[in-house]
């Protein structure tokens, strides 16, 4: 999942995305323990997705990158 996709969502949608990623990570852990995990790279990808979502949530809390959330373009 791209960071821009996450930033385009509302706070509630981002929280739902975080819960979905956490559920997926739990399922992957269970599959790993059962020996059924076919793509071990998926585990790392899911962990990175969780980190991205948490980063965007923290940015929202702190008010960082408001231009990204309001749809404005950055002036340089």
Protein backbone atom coordinates (compact mmCIF):
# COMPACT_ATOMS: atom_id res chain seq x y z
CA UNK A 1 0.00 0.00 0.00
CA UNK A 2 1.32 3.42 -0.95
CA UNK A 3 1.59 6.21 1.60
CA UNK A 4 -0.32 8.57 -0.69
CA UNK A 5 -3.27 6.15 -0.68
CA UNK A 6 -3.31 6.15 3.10
CA UNK A 7 -3.10 9.95 3.31
CA UNK A 8 -6.09 10.27 0.98
CA UNK A 9 -8.32 8.50 3.52
CA UNK A 10 -10.12 9.93 6.52
CA UNK A 11 -8.92 9.19 10.05
CA UNK A 12 -11.65 6.58 10.58
CA UNK A 13 -10.74 4.82 7.35
CA UNK A 14 -7.07 4.81 8.34
CA UNK A 15 -7.95 3.26 11.71
CA UNK A 16 -9.98 0.57 9.91
CA UNK A 17 -7.01 -0.08 7.62
CA UNK A 18 -4.76 -0.47 10.66
CA UNK A 19 -7.11 -3.02 12.22
CA UNK A 20 -7.27 -4.92 8.93
CA UNK A 21 -3.49 -5.05 8.69
CA UNK A 22 -3.21 -6.27 12.27
CA UNK A 23 -5.74 -9.04 11.57
CA UNK A 24 -3.79 -10.03 8.46
CA UNK A 25 -0.55 -10.14 10.45
CA UNK A 26 -2.19 -12.39 13.05
CA UNK A 27 -3.42 -14.73 10.31
CA UNK A 28 0.07 -14.86 8.81
CA UNK A 29 1.56 -15.71 12.23
CA UNK A 30 -0.95 -18.53 12.64
CA UNK A 31 -0.15 -19.84 9.16
CA UNK A 32 3.58 -19.66 9.96
CA UNK A 33 3.12 -21.70 13.14
CA UNK A 34 1.03 -24.27 11.30
CA UNK A 35 3.60 -24.53 8.52
CA UNK A 36 1.10 -23.36 5.89
CA UNK A 37 2.66 -19.99 4.99
CA UNK A 38 3.61 -20.09 1.31
CA UNK A 39 4.94 -16.55 0.88
CA UNK A 40 7.07 -15.53 3.83
CA UNK A 41 7.71 -12.10 2.28
CA UNK A 42 4.05 -11.27 2.88
CA UNK A 43 4.76 -11.15 6.63
CA UNK A 44 7.38 -8.42 6.19
CA UNK A 45 5.18 -6.51 3.75
CA UNK A 46 2.31 -6.49 6.23
CA UNK A 47 4.58 -5.23 9.01
CA UNK A 48 5.75 -2.38 6.75
CA UNK A 49 2.12 -1.53 5.90
CA UNK A 50 1.31 -1.31 9.62
CA UNK A 51 4.28 1.01 10.13
CA UNK A 52 3.13 3.23 7.25
CA UNK A 53 -0.40 3.46 8.61
CA UNK A 54 0.86 4.28 12.10
CA UNK A 55 3.16 6.96 10.67
CA UNK A 56 0.31 8.63 8.82
CA UNK A 57 -1.87 8.49 11.94
CA UNK A 58 0.86 10.18 13.95
CA UNK A 59 1.24 12.84 11.26
CA UNK A 60 -2.49 13.50 11.51
CA UNK A 61 -2.25 13.82 15.30
CA UNK A 62 0.64 16.26 15.12
CA UNK A 63 -0.75 18.22 12.20
CA UNK A 64 2.26 17.48 10.03
CA UNK A 65 1.87 17.65 6.23
CA UNK A 66 -1.50 19.42 6.38
CA UNK A 67 -1.09 20.29 2.70
CA UNK A 68 -1.11 16.59 1.87
CA UNK A 69 -4.40 16.04 3.70
CA UNK A 70 -6.18 19.13 2.38
CA UNK A 71 -5.45 18.28 -1.25
CA UNK A 72 -3.17 21.29 -1.82
CA UNK A 73 0.07 21.01 -3.71
CA UNK A 74 3.34 21.93 -2.06
CA UNK A 75 4.95 25.17 -3.20
CA UNK A 76 8.72 25.09 -3.51
